[in-house]
Amino acid sequence: MSEFGPGWPAAVPVQVHGMDADPIFVGEGDIDAARALVEEADDAELFLYPGDQHYFADSSLPSFDPDAAALLTQRVLAFLSR
């Protein structure tokens, strides 16, 4: 987080969603940054879905995972309605 500023803004909640075997999210270290963000932020959640796709929520792509996308959508809508 220090790369972009002093830290995550205290009053801003955040969610991070990714697949647990995604070679980009996991393999390139984004998951470590997400875990650090969740540790640092006052209101943060990290959601990991089983699978290895990066664009799993885009129904126009072959990587689409309907079950993971539905759960992601449910979680985001609940987050936005808080």
PDB file of N, CA and C in Angstrom:
ATOM      1  N   MET A   1       0.813  -1.198   0.000  1.00  0.00           N
ATOM      2  CA  MET A   1       0.000   0.000   0.000  1.00  0.00           C
ATOM      3  C   MET A   1       0.850   1.253   0.000  1.00  0.00           C
ATOM      4  N   SER A   2       2.010   1.223   0.559  1.00  0.00           N
ATOM      5  CA  SER A   2       2.844   2.417   0.652  1.00  0.00           C
ATOM      6  C   SER A   2       3.290   2.922  -0.719  1.00  0.00           C
ATOM      7  N   GLU A   3       3.145   2.102  -1.734  1.00  0.00           N
ATOM      8  CA  GLU A   3       3.514   2.518  -3.082  1.00  0.00           C
ATOM      9  C   GLU A   3       2.610   3.644  -3.589  1.00  0.00           C
ATOM     10  N   PHE A   4       1.369   3.687  -3.094  1.00  0.00           N
ATOM     11  CA  PHE A   4       0.398   4.659  -3.589  1.00  0.00           C
ATOM     12  C   PHE A   4       0.033   5.714  -2.562  1.00  0.00           C
ATOM     13  N   GLY A   5       0.492   5.593  -1.345  1.00  0.00           N
ATOM     14  CA  GLY A   5       0.163   6.549  -0.306  1.00  0.00           C
ATOM     15  C   GLY A   5       0.467   5.969   1.057  1.00  0.00           C
ATOM     16  N   PRO A   6       0.058   6.682   2.092  1.00  0.00           N
ATOM     17  CA  PRO A   6       0.390   6.235   3.449  1.00  0.00           C
ATOM     18  C   PRO A   6      -0.388   5.003   3.911  1.00  0.00           C
ATOM     19  N   GLY A   7      -1.451   4.649   3.238  1.00  0.00           N
ATOM     20  CA  GLY A   7      -2.245   3.492   3.624  1.00  0.00           C
ATOM     21  C   GLY A   7      -3.651   3.603   3.081  1.00  0.00           C
ATOM     22  N   TRP A   8      -4.432   2.562   3.313  1.00  0.00           N
ATOM     23  CA  TRP A   8      -5.817   2.558   2.857  1.00  0.00           C
ATOM     24  C   TRP A   8      -6.607   3.563   3.687  1.00  0.00           C
ATOM     25  N   PRO A   9      -7.458   4.402   3.072  1.00  0.00           N
ATOM     26  CA  PRO A   9      -8.248   5.372   3.832  1.00  0.00           C
ATOM     27  C   PRO A   9      -9.150   4.679   4.861  1.00  0.00           C
ATOM     28  N   ALA A  10      -9.119   5.138   6.078  1.00  0.00           N
ATOM     29  CA  ALA A  10      -9.826   4.484   7.189  1.00  0.00           C
ATOM     30  C   ALA A  10     -11.322   4.349   6.948  1.00  0.00           C
ATOM     31  N   ALA A  11     -11.938   5.302   6.312  1.00  0.00           N
ATOM     32  CA  ALA A  11     -13.394   5.298   6.154  1.00  0.00           C
ATOM     33  C   ALA A  11     -13.865   4.596   4.878  1.00  0.00           C
ATOM     34  N   VAL A  12     -12.963   3.963   4.157  1.00  0.00           N
ATOM     35  CA  VAL A  12     -13.319   3.350   2.876  1.00  0.00           C
ATOM     36  C   VAL A  12     -13.253   1.822   2.987  1.00  0.00           C
ATOM     37  N   PRO A  13     -14.412   1.146   2.956  1.00  0.00           N
ATOM     38  CA  PRO A  13     -14.390  -0.318   2.991  1.00  0.00           C
ATOM     39  C   PRO A  13     -13.904  -0.869   1.646  1.00  0.00           C
ATOM     40  N   VAL A  14     -13.418  -2.102   1.675  1.00  0.00           N
ATOM     41  CA  VAL A  14     -12.868  -2.694   0.454  1.00  0.00           C
ATOM     42  C   VAL A  14     -13.072  -4.204   0.462  1.00  0.00           C
ATOM     43  N   GLN A  15     -13.310  -4.734  -0.721  1.00  0.00           N
ATOM     44  CA  GLN A  15     -13.343  -6.179  -0.941  1.00  0.00           C
ATOM     45  C   GLN A  15     -12.362  -6.505  -2.061  1.00  0.00           C
ATOM     46  N   VAL A  16     -11.726  -7.668  -1.943  1.00  0.00           N
ATOM     47  CA  VAL A  16     -10.868  -8.187  -3.004  1.00  0.00           C
ATOM     48  C   VAL A  16     -11.352  -9.598  -3.308  1.00  0.00           C
ATOM     49  N   HIS A  17     -11.535  -9.894  -4.584  1.00  0.00           N
ATOM     50  CA  HIS A  17     -12.022 -11.196  -5.031  1.00  0.00           C
ATOM     51  C   HIS A  17     -11.023 -11.783  -6.018  1.00  0.00           C
ATOM     52  N   GLY A  18     -10.722 -13.068  -5.862  1.00  0.00           N
ATOM     53  CA  GLY A  18      -9.832 -13.731  -6.800  1.00  0.00           C
ATOM     54  C   GLY A  18      -9.917 -15.235  -6.644  1.00  0.00           C
ATOM     55  N   MET A  19      -9.401 -15.925  -7.627  1.00  0.00           N
ATOM     56  CA  MET A  19      -9.367 -17.393  -7.553  1.00  0.00           C
ATOM     57  C   MET A  19      -8.061 -17.837  -6.902  1.00  0.00           C
ATOM     58  N   ASP A  20      -8.169 -18.897  -6.108  1.00  0.00           N
ATOM     59  CA  ASP A  20      -7.046 -19.329  -5.280  1.00  0.00           C
ATOM     60  C   ASP A  20      -5.877 -19.945  -6.050  1.00  0.00           C
ATOM     61  N   ALA A  21      -6.074 -20.270  -7.319  1.00  0.00           N
ATOM     62  CA  ALA A  21      -4.984 -20.814  -8.130  1.00  0.00           C
ATOM     63  C   ALA A  21      -4.781 -20.012  -9.414  1.00  0.00           C
ATOM     64  N   ASP A  22      -5.280 -18.794  -9.445  1.00  0.00           N
ATOM     65  CA  ASP A  22      -5.111 -17.902 -10.598  1.00  0.00           C
ATOM     66  C   ASP A  22      -3.618 -17.581 -10.745  1.00  0.00           C
ATOM     67  N   PRO A  23      -3.009 -17.917 -11.885  1.00  0.00           N
ATOM     68  CA  PRO A  23      -1.579 -17.676 -12.038  1.00  0.00           C
ATOM     69  C   PRO A  23      -1.204 -16.189 -12.010  1.00  0.00           C
ATOM     70  N   ILE A  24      -2.137 -15.316 -12.297  1.00  0.00           N
ATOM     71  CA  ILE A  24      -1.858 -13.878 -12.229  1.00  0.00           C
ATOM     72  C   ILE A  24      -2.039 -13.393 -10.791  1.00  0.00           C
ATOM     73  N   PHE A  25      -3.210 -13.605 -10.223  1.00  0.00           N
ATOM     74  CA  PHE A  25      -3.524 -13.126  -8.876  1.00  0.00           C
ATOM     75  C   PHE A  25      -2.612 -13.756  -7.827  1.00  0.00           C
ATOM     76  N   VAL A  26      -2.421 -15.060  -7.915  1.00  0.00           N
ATOM     77  CA  VAL A  26      -1.584 -15.757  -6.932  1.00  0.00           C
ATOM     78  C   VAL A  26      -0.122 -15.773  -7.381  1.00  0.00           C
ATOM     79  N   GLY A  27       0.094 -16.170  -8.612  1.00  0.00           N
ATOM     80  CA  GLY A  27       1.447 -16.362  -9.114  1.00  0.00           C
ATOM     81  C   GLY A  27       2.285 -15.099  -9.199  1.00  0.00           C
ATOM     82  N   GLU A  28       1.648 -13.958  -9.409  1.00  0.00           N
ATOM     83  CA  GLU A  28       2.398 -12.704  -9.525  1.00  0.00           C
ATOM     84  C   GLU A  28       2.399 -11.901  -8.230  1.00  0.00           C
ATOM     85  N   GLY A  29       1.826 -12.473  -7.163  1.00  0.00           N
ATOM     86  CA  GLY A  29       1.918 -11.833  -5.863  1.00  0.00           C
ATOM     87  C   GLY A  29       0.790 -10.907  -5.463  1.00  0.00           C
ATOM     88  N   ASP A  30      -0.217 -10.769  -6.311  1.00  0.00           N
ATOM     89  CA  ASP A  30      -1.330  -9.884  -5.946  1.00  0.00           C
ATOM     90  C   ASP A  30      -2.055 -10.367  -4.693  1.00  0.00           C
ATOM     91  N   ILE A  31      -2.088 -11.671  -4.486  1.00  0.00           N
ATOM     92  CA  ILE A  31      -2.748 -12.201  -3.303  1.00  0.00           C
ATOM     93  C   ILE A  31      -2.044 -11.728  -2.030  1.00  0.00           C
ATOM     94  N   ASP A  32      -0.729 -11.601  -2.090  1.00  0.00           N
ATOM     95  CA  ASP A  32       0.017 -11.110  -0.927  1.00  0.00           C
ATOM     96  C   ASP A  32      -0.334  -9.657  -0.636  1.00  0.00           C
ATOM     97  N   ALA A  33      -0.462  -8.865  -1.683  1.00  0.00           N
ATOM     98  CA  ALA A  33      -0.873  -7.471  -1.505  1.00  0.00           C
ATOM     99  C   ALA A  33      -2.293  -7.401  -0.963  1.00  0.00           C
ATOM    100  N   ALA A  34      -3.168  -8.273  -1.429  1.00  0.00           N
ATOM    101  CA  ALA A  34      -4.550  -8.307  -0.941  1.00  0.00           C
ATOM    102  C   ALA A  34      -4.587  -8.683   0.537  1.00  0.00           C
ATOM    103  N   ARG A  35      -3.800  -9.649   0.919  1.00  0.00           N
ATOM    104  CA  ARG A  35      -3.750 -10.051   2.336  1.00  0.00           C
ATOM    105  C   ARG A  35      -3.213  -8.918   3.204  1.00  0.00           C
ATOM    106  N   ALA A  36      -2.205  -8.215   2.717  1.00  0.00           N
ATOM    107  CA  ALA A  36      -1.666  -7.075   3.460  1.00  0.00           C
ATOM    108  C   ALA A  36      -2.714  -5.973   3.595  1.00  0.00           C
ATOM    109  N   LEU A  37      -3.469  -5.738   2.547  1.00  0.00           N
ATOM    110  CA  LEU A  37      -4.534  -4.738   2.591  1.00  0.00           C
ATOM    111  C   LEU A  37      -5.581  -5.110   3.630  1.00  0.00           C
ATOM    112  N   VAL A  38      -5.988  -6.366   3.654  1.00  0.00           N
ATOM    113  CA  VAL A  38      -6.992  -6.829   4.616  1.00  0.00           C
ATOM    114  C   VAL A  38      -6.467  -6.682   6.048  1.00  0.00           C
ATOM    115  N   GLU A  39      -5.187  -6.925   6.240  1.00  0.00           N
ATOM    116  CA  GLU A  39      -4.579  -6.750   7.570  1.00  0.00           C
ATOM    117  C   GLU A  39      -4.589  -5.282   7.990  1.00  0.00           C
ATOM    118  N   GLU A  40      -4.336  -4.394   7.035  1.00  0.00           N
ATOM    119  CA  GLU A  40      -4.176  -2.976   7.328  1.00  0.00           C
ATOM    120  C   GLU A  40      -5.499  -2.214   7.419  1.00  0.00           C
ATOM    121  N   ALA A  41      -6.416  -2.495   6.541  1.00  0.00           N
ATOM    122  CA  ALA A  41      -7.652  -1.713   6.437  1.00  0.00           C
ATOM    123  C   ALA A  41      -8.600  -2.040   7.586  1.00  0.00           C
ATOM    124  N   ASP A  42      -9.355  -1.043   7.992  1.00  0.00           N
ATOM    125  CA  ASP A  42     -10.324  -1.223   9.074  1.00  0.00           C
ATOM    126  C   ASP A  42     -11.482  -2.126   8.662  1.00  0.00           C
ATOM    127  N   ASP A  43     -11.891  -2.040   7.399  1.00  0.00           N
ATOM    128  CA  ASP A  43     -13.061  -2.782   6.914  1.00  0.00           C
ATOM    129  C   ASP A  43     -12.721  -3.390   5.560  1.00  0.00           C
ATOM    130  N   ALA A  44     -12.095  -4.559   5.591  1.00  0.00           N
ATOM    131  CA  ALA A  44     -11.634  -5.191   4.352  1.00  0.00           C
ATOM    132  C   ALA A  44     -11.908  -6.686   4.400  1.00  0.00           C
ATOM    133  N   GLU A  45     -12.215  -7.230   3.225  1.00  0.00           N
ATOM    134  CA  GLU A  45     -12.457  -8.662   3.096  1.00  0.00           C
ATOM    135  C   GLU A  45     -11.755  -9.187   1.848  1.00  0.00           C
ATOM    136  N   LEU A  46     -11.193 -10.363   1.976  1.00  0.00           N
ATOM    137  CA  LEU A  46     -10.595 -11.066   0.851  1.00  0.00           C
ATOM    138  C   LEU A  46     -11.400 -12.326   0.623  1.00  0.00           C
ATOM    139  N   PHE A  47     -11.901 -12.492  -0.590  1.00  0.00           N
ATOM    140  CA  PHE A  47     -12.672 -13.676  -0.953  1.00  0.00           C
ATOM    141  C   PHE A  47     -11.899 -14.458  -2.007  1.00  0.00           C
ATOM    142  N   LEU A  48     -11.636 -15.718  -1.709  1.00  0.00           N
ATOM    143  CA  LEU A  48     -10.962 -16.605  -2.649  1.00  0.00           C
ATOM    144  C   LEU A  48     -11.941 -17.675  -3.111  1.00  0.00           C
ATOM    145  N   TYR A  49     -11.945 -17.901  -4.404  1.00  0.00           N
ATOM    146  CA  TYR A  49     -12.823 -18.880  -5.029  1.00  0.00           C
ATOM    147  C   TYR A  49     -11.952 -20.004  -5.574  1.00  0.00           C
ATOM    148  N   PRO A  50     -12.431 -21.230  -5.547  1.00  0.00           N
ATOM    149  CA  PRO A  50     -11.615 -22.324  -6.099  1.00  0.00           C
ATOM    150  C   PRO A  50     -11.515 -22.210  -7.621  1.00  0.00           C
ATOM    151  N   GLY A  51     -10.304 -22.291  -8.108  1.00  0.00           N
ATOM    152  CA  GLY A  51     -10.123 -22.250  -9.555  1.00  0.00           C
ATOM    153  C   GLY A  51      -8.864 -21.517  -9.956  1.00  0.00           C
ATOM    154  N   ASP A  52      -8.614 -21.502 -11.265  1.00  0.00           N
ATOM    155  CA  ASP A  52      -7.374 -20.912 -11.772  1.00  0.00           C
ATOM    156  C   ASP A  52      -7.595 -19.860 -12.861  1.00  0.00           C
ATOM    157  N   GLN A  53      -8.790 -19.334 -12.927  1.00  0.00           N
ATOM    158  CA  GLN A  53      -9.096 -18.345 -13.964  1.00  0.00           C
ATOM    159  C   GLN A  53      -8.990 -16.917 -13.420  1.00  0.00           C
ATOM    160  N   HIS A  54      -8.552 -16.013 -14.268  1.00  0.00           N
ATOM    161  CA  HIS A  54      -8.423 -14.612 -13.856  1.00  0.00           C
ATOM    162  C   HIS A  54      -9.728 -13.851 -14.108  1.00  0.00           C
ATOM    163  N   TYR A  55     -10.319 -14.051 -15.259  1.00  0.00           N
ATOM    164  CA  TYR A  55     -11.560 -13.353 -15.621  1.00  0.00           C
ATOM    165  C   TYR A  55     -12.766 -14.277 -15.440  1.00  0.00           C
ATOM    166  N   PHE A  56     -12.932 -14.806 -14.255  1.00  0.00           N
ATOM    167  CA  PHE A  56     -13.966 -15.810 -14.011  1.00  0.00           C
ATOM    168  C   PHE A  56     -15.374 -15.241 -13.944  1.00  0.00           C
ATOM    169  N   ALA A  57     -15.520 -13.935 -13.815  1.00  0.00           N
ATOM    170  CA  ALA A  57     -16.849 -13.336 -13.682  1.00  0.00           C
ATOM    171  C   ALA A  57     -17.384 -12.762 -14.990  1.00  0.00           C
ATOM    172  N   ASP A  58     -16.626 -12.848 -16.050  1.00  0.00           N
ATOM    173  CA  ASP A  58     -17.032 -12.293 -17.343  1.00  0.00           C
ATOM    174  C   ASP A  58     -17.698 -13.384 -18.178  1.00  0.00           C
ATOM    175  N   SER A  59     -19.010 -13.305 -18.284  1.00  0.00           N
ATOM    176  CA  SER A  59     -19.771 -14.363 -18.968  1.00  0.00           C
ATOM    177  C   SER A  59     -19.499 -14.446 -20.467  1.00  0.00           C
ATOM    178  N   SER A  60     -18.817 -13.472 -21.025  1.00  0.00           N
ATOM    179  CA  SER A  60     -18.521 -13.513 -22.460  1.00  0.00           C
ATOM    180  C   SER A  60     -17.231 -14.275 -22.768  1.00  0.00           C
ATOM    181  N   LEU A  61     -16.537 -14.743 -21.730  1.00  0.00           N
ATOM    182  CA  LEU A  61     -15.260 -15.414 -21.935  1.00  0.00           C
ATOM    183  C   LEU A  61     -15.349 -16.901 -21.593  1.00  0.00           C
ATOM    184  N   PRO A  62     -14.496 -17.716 -22.192  1.00  0.00           N
ATOM    185  CA  PRO A  62     -14.491 -19.146 -21.870  1.00  0.00           C
ATOM    186  C   PRO A  62     -14.068 -19.430 -20.425  1.00  0.00           C
ATOM    187  N   SER A  63     -13.404 -18.483 -19.773  1.00  0.00           N
ATOM    188  CA  SER A  63     -12.961 -18.663 -18.389  1.00  0.00           C
ATOM    189  C   SER A  63     -14.083 -18.443 -17.370  1.00  0.00           C
ATOM    190  N   PHE A  64     -15.254 -18.082 -17.839  1.00  0.00           N
ATOM    191  CA  PHE A  64     -16.398 -17.794 -16.960  1.00  0.00           C
ATOM    192  C   PHE A  64     -16.721 -18.980 -16.063  1.00  0.00           C
ATOM    193  N   ASP A  65     -16.876 -18.691 -14.772  1.00  0.00           N
ATOM    194  CA  ASP A  65     -17.279 -19.700 -13.787  1.00  0.00           C
ATOM    195  C   ASP A  65     -18.601 -19.224 -13.188  1.00  0.00           C
ATOM    196  N   PRO A  66     -19.722 -19.782 -13.619  1.00  0.00           N
ATOM    197  CA  PRO A  66     -21.017 -19.254 -13.188  1.00  0.00           C
ATOM    198  C   PRO A  66     -21.248 -19.313 -11.683  1.00  0.00           C
ATOM    199  N   ASP A  67     -20.780 -20.350 -11.026  1.00  0.00           N
ATOM    200  CA  ASP A  67     -20.989 -20.449  -9.577  1.00  0.00           C
ATOM    201  C   ASP A  67     -20.172 -19.397  -8.830  1.00  0.00           C
ATOM    202  N   ALA A  68     -18.905 -19.257  -9.177  1.00  0.00           N
ATOM    203  CA  ALA A  68     -18.058 -18.254  -8.529  1.00  0.00           C
ATOM    204  C   ALA A  68     -18.553 -16.846  -8.858  1.00  0.00           C
ATOM    205  N   ALA A  69     -18.962 -16.623 -10.081  1.00  0.00           N
ATOM    206  CA  ALA A  69     -19.460 -15.301 -10.475  1.00  0.00           C
ATOM    207  C   ALA A  69     -20.736 -14.944  -9.721  1.00  0.00           C
ATOM    208  N   ALA A  70     -21.612 -15.912  -9.530  1.00  0.00           N
ATOM    209  CA  ALA A  70     -22.853 -15.655  -8.786  1.00  0.00           C
ATOM    210  C   ALA A  70     -22.551 -15.300  -7.337  1.00  0.00           C
ATOM    211  N   LEU A  71     -21.619 -16.012  -6.722  1.00  0.00           N
ATOM    212  CA  LEU A  71     -21.253 -15.719  -5.338  1.00  0.00           C
ATOM    213  C   LEU A  71     -20.570 -14.360  -5.234  1.00  0.00           C
ATOM    214  N   LEU A  72     -19.687 -14.053  -6.177  1.00  0.00           N
ATOM    215  CA  LEU A  72     -19.041 -12.743  -6.216  1.00  0.00           C
ATOM    216  C   LEU A  72     -20.098 -11.648  -6.318  1.00  0.00           C
ATOM    217  N   THR A  73     -21.045 -11.803  -7.219  1.00  0.00           N
ATOM    218  CA  THR A  73     -22.099 -10.801  -7.402  1.00  0.00           C
ATOM    219  C   THR A  73     -22.913 -10.631  -6.133  1.00  0.00           C
ATOM    220  N   GLN A  74     -23.272 -11.720  -5.493  1.00  0.00           N
ATOM    221  CA  GLN A  74     -24.028 -11.667  -4.235  1.00  0.00           C
ATOM    222  C   GLN A  74     -23.243 -10.894  -3.176  1.00  0.00           C
ATOM    223  N   ARG A  75     -21.957 -11.174  -3.059  1.00  0.00           N
ATOM    224  CA  ARG A  75     -21.129 -10.495  -2.058  1.00  0.00           C
ATOM    225  C   ARG A  75     -20.960  -9.010  -2.361  1.00  0.00           C
ATOM    226  N   VAL A  76     -20.768  -8.676  -3.624  1.00  0.00           N
ATOM    227  CA  VAL A  76     -20.626  -7.265  -3.995  1.00  0.00           C
ATOM    228  C   VAL A  76     -21.915  -6.495  -3.759  1.00  0.00           C
ATOM    229  N   LEU A  77     -23.043  -7.085  -4.117  1.00  0.00           N
ATOM    230  CA  LEU A  77     -24.328  -6.405  -3.889  1.00  0.00           C
ATOM    231  C   LEU A  77     -24.584  -6.190  -2.404  1.00  0.00           C
ATOM    232  N   ALA A  78     -24.251  -7.166  -1.578  1.00  0.00           N
ATOM    233  CA  ALA A  78     -24.395  -7.006  -0.121  1.00  0.00           C
ATOM    234  C   ALA A  78     -23.460  -5.908   0.383  1.00  0.00           C
ATOM    235  N   PHE A  79     -22.258  -5.874  -0.137  1.00  0.00           N
ATOM    236  CA  PHE A  79     -21.283  -4.858   0.226  1.00  0.00           C
ATOM    237  C   PHE A  79     -21.803  -3.461  -0.124  1.00  0.00           C
ATOM    238  N   LEU A  80     -22.351  -3.324  -1.317  1.00  0.00           N
ATOM    239  CA  LEU A  80     -22.848  -2.015  -1.768  1.00  0.00           C
ATOM    240  C   LEU A  80     -24.108  -1.574  -1.045  1.00  0.00           C
ATOM    241  N   SER A  81     -24.855  -2.520  -0.495  1.00  0.00           N
ATOM    242  CA  SER A  81     -26.103  -2.153   0.182  1.00  0.00           C
ATOM    243  C   SER A  81     -25.888  -1.811   1.662  1.00  0.00           C
ATOM    244  N   ARG A  82     -24.672  -1.938   2.153  1.00  0.00           N
ATOM    245  CA  ARG A  82     -24.406  -1.618   3.558  1.00  0.00           C
ATOM    246  C   ARG A  82     -24.540  -0.142   3.822  1.00  0.00           C
TER     247      ARG A  82
END
